[in-house]
Amino acid sequence: MARLTGKVAVITGGAGGIGRAAARIFTGEGAEALLVDVNEGALQQAVQDTGSSQASYVTADITQPESVRNAIDTAVERYGGVDILLANAGVEGMVETIPDYPVEAFDQVMAVNVRGVWLCLKYVIPVMRNRGGGSIVITSSVAGIRGTFGMSPYNTSKHAVIGMMRTAALECAADGIRVNTVNPAPIETRMMRSIEEMRSSRTDGEATVEQIKETNAARLPMQRYGDPEEVARMMLFLASDESSFCTGGVYMVDGGSSAGWV
């Protein structure tokens, strides 16, 4: 039997690289999946890419309570409940040092990456309690356990959701709801390309985007970026009953990069 047969998954950031990969893998494992994002055209394509009639979408701004509530309500109306939440939506922000970082840009990153995750938990936990349990997987990052020059809001946000996850894991354990984070290293996604482009622009042309990427990859013990599918397969494990005794954990998908950190 497929690992997610009979399960309903809500995937925020469903139009992005990791979200799309998760939608393909989850529906392939039998889940019904509601993809959530702000870009309707990209969502339509992401649903089509699953090749499954078990995927659908709803647009939502996860920084807004009513928008998040509507997304969760949509999952309940279409599929009868929610068993899995992938709180995967996120933005990278700018590459700039703290004194020069615009306050409004900081606020936007925190609104999506922290407030948005918290709102998803706020509205999905009661639904999961009604189902008798569930699994929440939050996308953090290697940036959630170390510093990164020039990305203070992003790093702050990815540290924050680990603390949020641990609190939620304690609050929800008795209800059979498991909560964990997945922490990727650089992955072949639009977000990573955007970061490379911003870092290249800060060198005034001395380092090309491809050179920035090569440098990043060389820092990883496995000497390459990860694929979205590699992250999604860790999410699959945490979403499935195979991880039934796993909650409150930080799961690295980082090519070994954290192995050498103290």
C-alpha atoms as a PDB file:
ATOM      1  CA  MET A   1       0.000   0.000   0.000  1.00  0.00           C
ATOM      2  CA  ALA A   2       1.166   3.544  -0.734  1.00  0.00           C
ATOM      3  CA  ARG A   3       2.470   5.318   2.344  1.00  0.00           C
ATOM      4  CA  LEU A   4      -0.048   8.176   2.374  1.00  0.00           C
ATOM      5  CA  THR A   5      -3.216   6.436   1.224  1.00  0.00           C
ATOM      6  CA  GLY A   6      -6.237   8.083   2.834  1.00  0.00           C
ATOM      7  CA  LYS A   7      -4.243  11.115   4.008  1.00  0.00           C
ATOM      8  CA  VAL A   8      -4.940  14.771   3.194  1.00  0.00           C
ATOM      9  CA  ALA A   9      -1.972  17.128   2.878  1.00  0.00           C
ATOM     10  CA  VAL A  10      -1.918  20.925   2.777  1.00  0.00           C
ATOM     11  CA  ILE A  11       1.282  22.212   1.167  1.00  0.00           C
ATOM     12  CA  THR A  12       2.074  25.916   1.480  1.00  0.00           C
ATOM     13  CA  GLY A  13       4.596  27.263  -0.972  1.00  0.00           C
ATOM     14  CA  GLY A  14       3.066  24.686  -3.283  1.00  0.00           C
ATOM     15  CA  ALA A  15       4.116  26.533  -6.435  1.00  0.00           C
ATOM     16  CA  GLY A  16       7.824  26.533  -5.511  1.00  0.00           C
ATOM     17  CA  GLY A  17      10.464  23.918  -6.200  1.00  0.00           C
ATOM     18  CA  ILE A  18      10.262  21.970  -2.942  1.00  0.00           C
ATOM     19  CA  GLY A  19       6.488  22.349  -2.712  1.00  0.00           C
ATOM     20  CA  ARG A  20       6.005  21.025  -6.239  1.00  0.00           C
ATOM     21  CA  ALA A  21       8.288  18.083  -5.576  1.00  0.00           C
ATOM     22  CA  ALA A  22       6.399  17.273  -2.384  1.00  0.00           C
ATOM     23  CA  ALA A  23       3.061  17.478  -4.195  1.00  0.00           C
ATOM     24  CA  ARG A  24       4.250  15.024  -6.856  1.00  0.00           C
ATOM     25  CA  ILE A  25       5.664  12.583  -4.324  1.00  0.00           C
ATOM     26  CA  PHE A  26       2.775  12.828  -1.872  1.00  0.00           C
ATOM     27  CA  THR A  27       0.061  12.289  -4.481  1.00  0.00           C
ATOM     28  CA  GLY A  28       2.154   9.451  -5.900  1.00  0.00           C
ATOM     29  CA  GLU A  29       2.018   7.889  -2.429  1.00  0.00           C
ATOM     30  CA  GLY A  30      -1.762   8.130  -2.310  1.00  0.00           C
ATOM     31  CA  ALA A  31      -2.398  11.469  -0.591  1.00  0.00           C
ATOM     32  CA  GLU A  32      -4.926  14.075  -1.578  1.00  0.00           C
ATOM     33  CA  ALA A  33      -3.069  17.385  -1.685  1.00  0.00           C
ATOM     34  CA  LEU A  34      -4.161  21.012  -1.514  1.00  0.00           C
ATOM     35  CA  LEU A  35      -1.426  23.297  -2.818  1.00  0.00           C
ATOM     36  CA  VAL A  36      -1.379  26.818  -1.381  1.00  0.00           C
ATOM     37  CA  ASP A  37       0.479  29.840  -2.767  1.00  0.00           C
ATOM     38  CA  VAL A  38      -0.096  33.434  -3.879  1.00  0.00           C
ATOM     39  CA  ASN A  39       0.513  32.884  -7.606  1.00  0.00           C
ATOM     40  CA  GLU A  40      -2.520  31.267  -9.215  1.00  0.00           C
ATOM     41  CA  GLY A  41      -0.859  30.625 -12.568  1.00  0.00           C
ATOM     42  CA  ALA A  42       2.080  28.877 -10.931  1.00  0.00           C
ATOM     43  CA  LEU A  43      -0.301  26.873  -8.752  1.00  0.00           C
ATOM     44  CA  GLN A  44      -2.260  25.685 -11.775  1.00  0.00           C
ATOM     45  CA  GLN A  45       0.979  24.491 -13.362  1.00  0.00           C
ATOM     46  CA  ALA A  46       2.100  22.808 -10.138  1.00  0.00           C
ATOM     47  CA  VAL A  47      -1.173  20.882  -9.898  1.00  0.00           C
ATOM     48  CA  GLN A  48      -0.851  19.861 -13.534  1.00  0.00           C
ATOM     49  CA  ASP A  49       2.731  18.721 -12.923  1.00  0.00           C
ATOM     50  CA  THR A  50       1.572  16.206 -10.322  1.00  0.00           C
ATOM     51  CA  GLY A  51      -0.248  14.278 -13.037  1.00  0.00           C
ATOM     52  CA  SER A  52      -2.809  13.400 -10.398  1.00  0.00           C
ATOM     53  CA  SER A  53      -6.508  14.072  -9.990  1.00  0.00           C
ATOM     54  CA  GLN A  54      -5.898  14.057  -6.232  1.00  0.00           C
ATOM     55  CA  ALA A  55      -4.233  17.487  -6.272  1.00  0.00           C
ATOM     56  CA  SER A  56      -5.958  20.860  -6.274  1.00  0.00           C
ATOM     57  CA  TYR A  57      -5.061  24.381  -5.226  1.00  0.00           C
ATOM     58  CA  VAL A  58      -6.242  27.504  -3.458  1.00  0.00           C
ATOM     59  CA  THR A  59      -4.581  30.911  -3.496  1.00  0.00           C
ATOM     60  CA  ALA A  60      -3.736  32.439  -0.135  1.00  0.00           C
ATOM     61  CA  ASP A  61      -1.592  35.097   1.497  1.00  0.00           C
ATOM     62  CA  ILE A  62      -0.251  33.241   4.506  1.00  0.00           C
ATOM     63  CA  THR A  63       0.519  36.484   6.341  1.00  0.00           C
ATOM     64  CA  GLN A  64      -3.224  37.152   6.676  1.00  0.00           C
ATOM     65  CA  PRO A  65      -5.320  35.215   9.220  1.00  0.00           C
ATOM     66  CA  GLU A  66      -8.514  35.026   7.178  1.00  0.00           C
ATOM     67  CA  SER A  67      -6.605  33.886   4.104  1.00  0.00           C
ATOM     68  CA  VAL A  68      -4.953  31.057   6.041  1.00  0.00           C
ATOM     69  CA  ARG A  69      -8.219  30.107   7.720  1.00  0.00           C
ATOM     70  CA  ASN A  70      -9.884  29.946   4.302  1.00  0.00           C
ATOM     71  CA  ALA A  71      -7.148  27.663   2.957  1.00  0.00           C
ATOM     72  CA  ILE A  72      -7.556  25.210   5.836  1.00  0.00           C
ATOM     73  CA  ASP A  73     -11.348  25.392   5.563  1.00  0.00           C
ATOM     74  CA  THR A  74     -11.037  24.656   1.840  1.00  0.00           C
ATOM     75  CA  ALA A  75      -9.084  21.476   2.588  1.00  0.00           C
ATOM     76  CA  VAL A  76     -11.761  20.372   5.045  1.00  0.00           C
ATOM     77  CA  GLU A  77     -14.567  21.119   2.583  1.00  0.00           C
ATOM     78  CA  ARG A  78     -12.901  19.336  -0.334  1.00  0.00           C
ATOM     79  CA  TYR A  79     -11.302  16.396   1.411  1.00  0.00           C
ATOM     80  CA  GLY A  80     -12.905  16.065   4.836  1.00  0.00           C
ATOM     81  CA  GLY A  81      -9.992  17.163   7.008  1.00  0.00           C
ATOM     82  CA  VAL A  82      -6.226  17.653   7.183  1.00  0.00           C
ATOM     83  CA  ASP A  83      -3.708  14.992   8.230  1.00  0.00           C
ATOM     84  CA  ILE A  84      -0.489  16.609   7.016  1.00  0.00           C
ATOM     85  CA  LEU A  85       0.693  20.204   6.876  1.00  0.00           C
ATOM     86  CA  LEU A  86       3.847  21.129   5.023  1.00  0.00           C
ATOM     87  CA  ALA A  87       4.492  24.683   6.224  1.00  0.00           C
ATOM     88  CA  ASN A  88       6.861  25.286   3.364  1.00  0.00           C
ATOM     89  CA  ALA A  89       6.153  28.821   2.091  1.00  0.00           C
ATOM     90  CA  GLY A  90       9.030  31.245   2.511  1.00  0.00           C
ATOM     91  CA  VAL A  91      10.922  34.181   1.060  1.00  0.00           C
ATOM     92  CA  GLU A  92      14.629  34.892   1.049  1.00  0.00           C
ATOM     93  CA  GLY A  93      14.611  38.672   1.389  1.00  0.00           C
ATOM     94  CA  MET A  94      17.621  40.779   0.443  1.00  0.00           C
ATOM     95  CA  VAL A  95      21.347  40.304   0.891  1.00  0.00           C
ATOM     96  CA  GLU A  96      22.429  43.281   2.973  1.00  0.00           C
ATOM     97  CA  THR A  97      24.132  43.976   6.291  1.00  0.00           C
ATOM     98  CA  ILE A  98      22.000  44.858   9.303  1.00  0.00           C
ATOM     99  CA  PRO A  99      22.638  48.648   9.341  1.00  0.00           C
ATOM    100  CA  ASP A 100      21.636  48.923   5.676  1.00  0.00           C
ATOM    101  CA  TYR A 101      18.723  46.472   5.724  1.00  0.00           C
ATOM    102  CA  PRO A 102      15.385  48.280   5.200  1.00  0.00           C
ATOM    103  CA  VAL A 103      12.998  47.819   8.111  1.00  0.00           C
ATOM    104  CA  GLU A 104      10.069  47.118   5.792  1.00  0.00           C
ATOM    105  CA  ALA A 105      12.062  44.374   4.029  1.00  0.00           C
ATOM    106  CA  PHE A 106      12.880  42.789   7.395  1.00  0.00           C
ATOM    107  CA  ASP A 107       9.207  42.895   8.349  1.00  0.00           C
ATOM    108  CA  GLN A 108       8.148  41.222   5.097  1.00  0.00           C
ATOM    109  CA  VAL A 109      10.508  38.269   5.563  1.00  0.00           C
ATOM    110  CA  MET A 110       9.369  37.788   9.139  1.00  0.00           C
ATOM    111  CA  ALA A 111       5.710  38.089   8.131  1.00  0.00           C
ATOM    112  CA  VAL A 112       5.958  35.259   5.607  1.00  0.00           C
ATOM    113  CA  ASN A 113       8.537  33.019   7.247  1.00  0.00           C
ATOM    114  CA  VAL A 114       7.427  33.270  10.885  1.00  0.00           C
ATOM    115  CA  ARG A 115       3.944  34.779  11.152  1.00  0.00           C
ATOM    116  CA  GLY A 116       2.802  32.718   8.164  1.00  0.00           C
ATOM    117  CA  VAL A 117       3.975  29.462   9.731  1.00  0.00           C
ATOM    118  CA  TRP A 118       2.404  30.373  13.076  1.00  0.00           C
ATOM    119  CA  LEU A 119      -0.932  31.162  11.422  1.00  0.00           C
ATOM    120  CA  CYS A 120      -0.894  27.833   9.608  1.00  0.00           C
ATOM    121  CA  LEU A 121      -0.312  26.019  12.898  1.00  0.00           C
ATOM    122  CA  LYS A 122      -2.980  28.074  14.655  1.00  0.00           C
ATOM    123  CA  TYR A 123      -5.690  27.037  12.214  1.00  0.00           C
ATOM    124  CA  VAL A 124      -4.610  23.499  11.331  1.00  0.00           C
ATOM    125  CA  ILE A 125      -4.019  22.135  14.846  1.00  0.00           C
ATOM    126  CA  PRO A 126      -7.729  22.155  15.835  1.00  0.00           C
ATOM    127  CA  VAL A 127      -8.578  20.397  12.568  1.00  0.00           C
ATOM    128  CA  MET A 128      -5.940  17.737  13.212  1.00  0.00           C
ATOM    129  CA  ARG A 129      -7.213  17.253  16.754  1.00  0.00           C
ATOM    130  CA  ASN A 130     -10.622  16.489  15.284  1.00  0.00           C
ATOM    131  CA  ARG A 131      -8.973  13.860  13.049  1.00  0.00           C
ATOM    132  CA  GLY A 132      -7.226  12.234  16.001  1.00  0.00           C
ATOM    133  CA  GLY A 133      -3.727  13.401  15.079  1.00  0.00           C
ATOM    134  CA  GLY A 134      -1.506  14.434  12.223  1.00  0.00           C
ATOM    135  CA  SER A 135       1.948  15.495  11.118  1.00  0.00           C
ATOM    136  CA  ILE A 136       3.252  19.040  10.685  1.00  0.00           C
ATOM    137  CA  VAL A 137       6.504  19.541   8.800  1.00  0.00           C
ATOM    138  CA  ILE A 138       8.018  23.029   8.789  1.00  0.00           C
ATOM    139  CA  THR A 139      10.673  24.013   6.269  1.00  0.00           C
ATOM    140  CA  SER A 140      13.553  25.634   8.135  1.00  0.00           C
ATOM    141  CA  SER A 141      17.100  25.703   6.713  1.00  0.00           C
ATOM    142  CA  VAL A 142      20.745  25.213   7.565  1.00  0.00           C
ATOM    143  CA  ALA A 143      20.400  28.960   8.199  1.00  0.00           C
ATOM    144  CA  GLY A 144      18.247  27.969  11.169  1.00  0.00           C
ATOM    145  CA  ILE A 145      21.241  26.591  13.057  1.00  0.00           C
ATOM    146  CA  ARG A 146      24.033  28.969  12.006  1.00  0.00           C
ATOM    147  CA  GLY A 147      24.640  32.525  10.837  1.00  0.00           C
ATOM    148  CA  THR A 148      24.822  33.698   7.240  1.00  0.00           C
ATOM    149  CA  PHE A 149      26.418  37.012   6.287  1.00  0.00           C
ATOM    150  CA  GLY A 150      23.965  39.563   4.900  1.00  0.00           C
ATOM    151  CA  MET A 151      20.764  37.608   5.542  1.00  0.00           C
ATOM    152  CA  SER A 152      19.748  38.598   9.066  1.00  0.00           C
ATOM    153  CA  PRO A 153      15.942  38.398   8.592  1.00  0.00           C
ATOM    154  CA  TYR A 154      16.097  35.061   6.786  1.00  0.00           C
ATOM    155  CA  ASN A 155      18.423  33.571   9.397  1.00  0.00           C
ATOM    156  CA  THR A 156      16.343  34.966  12.223  1.00  0.00           C
ATOM    157  CA  SER A 157      13.171  33.531  10.710  1.00  0.00           C
ATOM    158  CA  LYS A 158      14.631  30.076  10.207  1.00  0.00           C
ATOM    159  CA  HIS A 159      15.921  29.981  13.785  1.00  0.00           C
ATOM    160  CA  ALA A 160      12.503  31.168  14.969  1.00  0.00           C
ATOM    161  CA  VAL A 161      10.521  28.373  13.361  1.00  0.00           C
ATOM    162  CA  ILE A 162      12.684  25.776  15.106  1.00  0.00           C
ATOM    163  CA  GLY A 163      11.662  27.268  18.442  1.00  0.00           C
ATOM    164  CA  MET A 164       8.065  27.393  17.255  1.00  0.00           C
ATOM    165  CA  MET A 165       8.250  23.756  16.173  1.00  0.00           C
ATOM    166  CA  ARG A 166       9.582  22.610  19.549  1.00  0.00           C
ATOM    167  CA  THR A 167       6.851  24.471  21.402  1.00  0.00           C
ATOM    168  CA  ALA A 168       4.157  23.084  19.107  1.00  0.00           C
ATOM    169  CA  ALA A 169       5.569  19.567  19.463  1.00  0.00           C
ATOM    170  CA  LEU A 170       5.195  19.775  23.246  1.00  0.00           C
ATOM    171  CA  GLU A 171       1.726  21.292  23.055  1.00  0.00           C
ATOM    172  CA  CYS A 172       0.439  18.775  20.511  1.00  0.00           C
ATOM    173  CA  ALA A 173       2.073  15.477  21.486  1.00  0.00           C
ATOM    174  CA  ALA A 174      -0.821  14.310  23.653  1.00  0.00           C
ATOM    175  CA  ASP A 175      -3.173  14.888  20.709  1.00  0.00           C
ATOM    176  CA  GLY A 176      -1.179  12.621  18.411  1.00  0.00           C
ATOM    177  CA  ILE A 177       0.093  15.544  16.343  1.00  0.00           C
ATOM    178  CA  ARG A 178       3.781  15.368  15.494  1.00  0.00           C
ATOM    179  CA  VAL A 179       5.758  18.506  14.591  1.00  0.00           C
ATOM    180  CA  ASN A 180       9.246  18.590  13.049  1.00  0.00           C
ATOM    181  CA  THR A 181      11.433  20.769  10.857  1.00  0.00           C
ATOM    182  CA  VAL A 182      13.326  19.891   7.713  1.00  0.00           C
ATOM    183  CA  ASN A 183      16.491  21.943   7.287  1.00  0.00           C
ATOM    184  CA  PRO A 184      17.889  21.976   3.748  1.00  0.00           C
ATOM    185  CA  ALA A 185      21.266  23.219   2.587  1.00  0.00           C
ATOM    186  CA  PRO A 186      21.374  24.951  -0.835  1.00  0.00           C
ATOM    187  CA  ILE A 187      18.811  23.314  -3.115  1.00  0.00           C
ATOM    188  CA  GLU A 188      18.273  23.758  -6.855  1.00  0.00           C
ATOM    189  CA  THR A 189      15.372  26.204  -6.574  1.00  0.00           C
ATOM    190  CA  ARG A 190      14.343  29.669  -7.693  1.00  0.00           C
ATOM    191  CA  MET A 191      15.044  30.983  -4.194  1.00  0.00           C
ATOM    192  CA  MET A 192      18.640  29.808  -4.267  1.00  0.00           C
ATOM    193  CA  ARG A 193      19.136  31.295  -7.724  1.00  0.00           C
ATOM    194  CA  SER A 194      17.851  34.620  -6.429  1.00  0.00           C
ATOM    195  CA  ILE A 195      20.338  34.548  -3.547  1.00  0.00           C
ATOM    196  CA  GLU A 196      23.180  33.764  -5.959  1.00  0.00           C
ATOM    197  CA  GLU A 197      22.168  36.685  -8.163  1.00  0.00           C
ATOM    198  CA  MET A 198      22.078  39.075  -5.202  1.00  0.00           C
ATOM    199  CA  ARG A 199      25.478  37.919  -3.965  1.00  0.00           C
ATOM    200  CA  SER A 200      26.929  38.294  -7.451  1.00  0.00           C
ATOM    201  CA  SER A 201      25.600  41.851  -7.726  1.00  0.00           C
ATOM    202  CA  ARG A 202      27.360  42.766  -4.468  1.00  0.00           C
ATOM    203  CA  THR A 203      30.718  41.911  -6.070  1.00  0.00           C
ATOM    204  CA  ASP A 204      30.218  44.506  -8.842  1.00  0.00           C
ATOM    205  CA  GLY A 205      30.644  41.839 -11.478  1.00  0.00           C
ATOM    206  CA  GLU A 206      33.786  40.264 -10.060  1.00  0.00           C
ATOM    207  CA  ALA A 207      31.955  37.005  -9.371  1.00  0.00           C
ATOM    208  CA  THR A 208      29.356  35.648 -11.771  1.00  0.00           C
ATOM    209  CA  VAL A 209      26.215  33.899 -10.627  1.00  0.00           C
ATOM    210  CA  GLU A 210      27.703  30.570 -11.705  1.00  0.00           C
ATOM    211  CA  GLN A 211      30.896  31.268  -9.771  1.00  0.00           C
ATOM    212  CA  ILE A 212      28.852  32.035  -6.662  1.00  0.00           C
ATOM    213  CA  LYS A 213      27.031  28.741  -7.117  1.00  0.00           C
ATOM    214  CA  GLU A 214      30.286  26.824  -7.583  1.00  0.00           C
ATOM    215  CA  THR A 215      31.687  28.382  -4.411  1.00  0.00           C
ATOM    216  CA  ASN A 216      28.564  27.469  -2.459  1.00  0.00           C
ATOM    217  CA  ALA A 217      28.632  23.889  -3.721  1.00  0.00           C
ATOM    218  CA  ALA A 218      32.332  23.522  -2.932  1.00  0.00           C
ATOM    219  CA  ARG A 219      31.620  24.308   0.721  1.00  0.00           C
ATOM    220  CA  LEU A 220      29.324  21.290   1.011  1.00  0.00           C
ATOM    221  CA  PRO A 221      30.963  17.948   1.844  1.00  0.00           C
ATOM    222  CA  MET A 222      29.001  16.305  -0.979  1.00  0.00           C
ATOM    223  CA  GLN A 223      30.180  19.055  -3.364  1.00  0.00           C
ATOM    224  CA  ARG A 224      26.757  19.734  -4.888  1.00  0.00           C
ATOM    225  CA  TYR A 225      23.386  21.325  -4.306  1.00  0.00           C
ATOM    226  CA  GLY A 226      20.492  19.123  -3.313  1.00  0.00           C
ATOM    227  CA  ASP A 227      17.458  18.441  -5.484  1.00  0.00           C
ATOM    228  CA  PRO A 228      13.954  19.440  -4.356  1.00  0.00           C
ATOM    229  CA  GLU A 229      12.969  15.762  -4.481  1.00  0.00           C
ATOM    230  CA  GLU A 230      15.625  14.919  -1.881  1.00  0.00           C
ATOM    231  CA  VAL A 231      14.028  17.363   0.549  1.00  0.00           C
ATOM    232  CA  ALA A 232      10.538  16.160  -0.327  1.00  0.00           C
ATOM    233  CA  ARG A 233      11.473  12.562   0.472  1.00  0.00           C
ATOM    234  CA  MET A 234      12.496  13.555   3.983  1.00  0.00           C
ATOM    235  CA  MET A 235       9.151  15.332   4.245  1.00  0.00           C
ATOM    236  CA  LEU A 236       7.455  12.136   3.085  1.00  0.00           C
ATOM    237  CA  PHE A 237       9.122  10.168   5.876  1.00  0.00           C
ATOM    238  CA  LEU A 238       8.017  12.708   8.481  1.00  0.00           C
ATOM    239  CA  ALA A 239       4.489  12.883   7.061  1.00  0.00           C
ATOM    240  CA  SER A 240       4.060   9.116   7.009  1.00  0.00           C
ATOM    241  CA  ASP A 241       3.480   6.615   9.791  1.00  0.00           C
ATOM    242  CA  GLU A 242       7.097   5.490   9.367  1.00  0.00           C
ATOM    243  CA  SER A 243       8.032   8.387  11.666  1.00  0.00           C
ATOM    244  CA  SER A 244       5.272   7.718  14.202  1.00  0.00           C
ATOM    245  CA  PHE A 245       7.594   8.229  17.222  1.00  0.00           C
ATOM    246  CA  CYS A 246       9.356  11.308  15.815  1.00  0.00           C
ATOM    247  CA  THR A 247       8.356  14.747  17.058  1.00  0.00           C
ATOM    248  CA  GLY A 248      10.222  17.881  18.097  1.00  0.00           C
ATOM    249  CA  GLY A 249      13.109  17.047  15.769  1.00  0.00           C
ATOM    250  CA  VAL A 250      15.363  19.004  13.428  1.00  0.00           C
ATOM    251  CA  TYR A 251      16.060  16.936  10.315  1.00  0.00           C
ATOM    252  CA  MET A 252      19.020  18.066   8.216  1.00  0.00           C
ATOM    253  CA  VAL A 253      18.986  17.555   4.447  1.00  0.00           C
ATOM    254  CA  ASP A 254      22.271  19.321   3.888  1.00  0.00           C
ATOM    255  CA  GLY A 255      24.823  17.153   2.109  1.00  0.00           C
ATOM    256  CA  GLY A 256      26.786  16.818   5.342  1.00  0.00           C
ATOM    257  CA  SER A 257      27.385  20.537   5.804  1.00  0.00           C
ATOM    258  CA  SER A 258      26.300  20.590   9.459  1.00  0.00           C
ATOM    259  CA  ALA A 259      28.518  17.619  10.348  1.00  0.00           C
ATOM    260  CA  GLY A 260      31.557  19.859  10.724  1.00  0.00           C
ATOM    261  CA  TRP A 261      29.937  22.653  12.717  1.00  0.00           C
ATOM    262  CA  VAL A 262      30.474  22.964  16.445  1.00  0.00           C
END
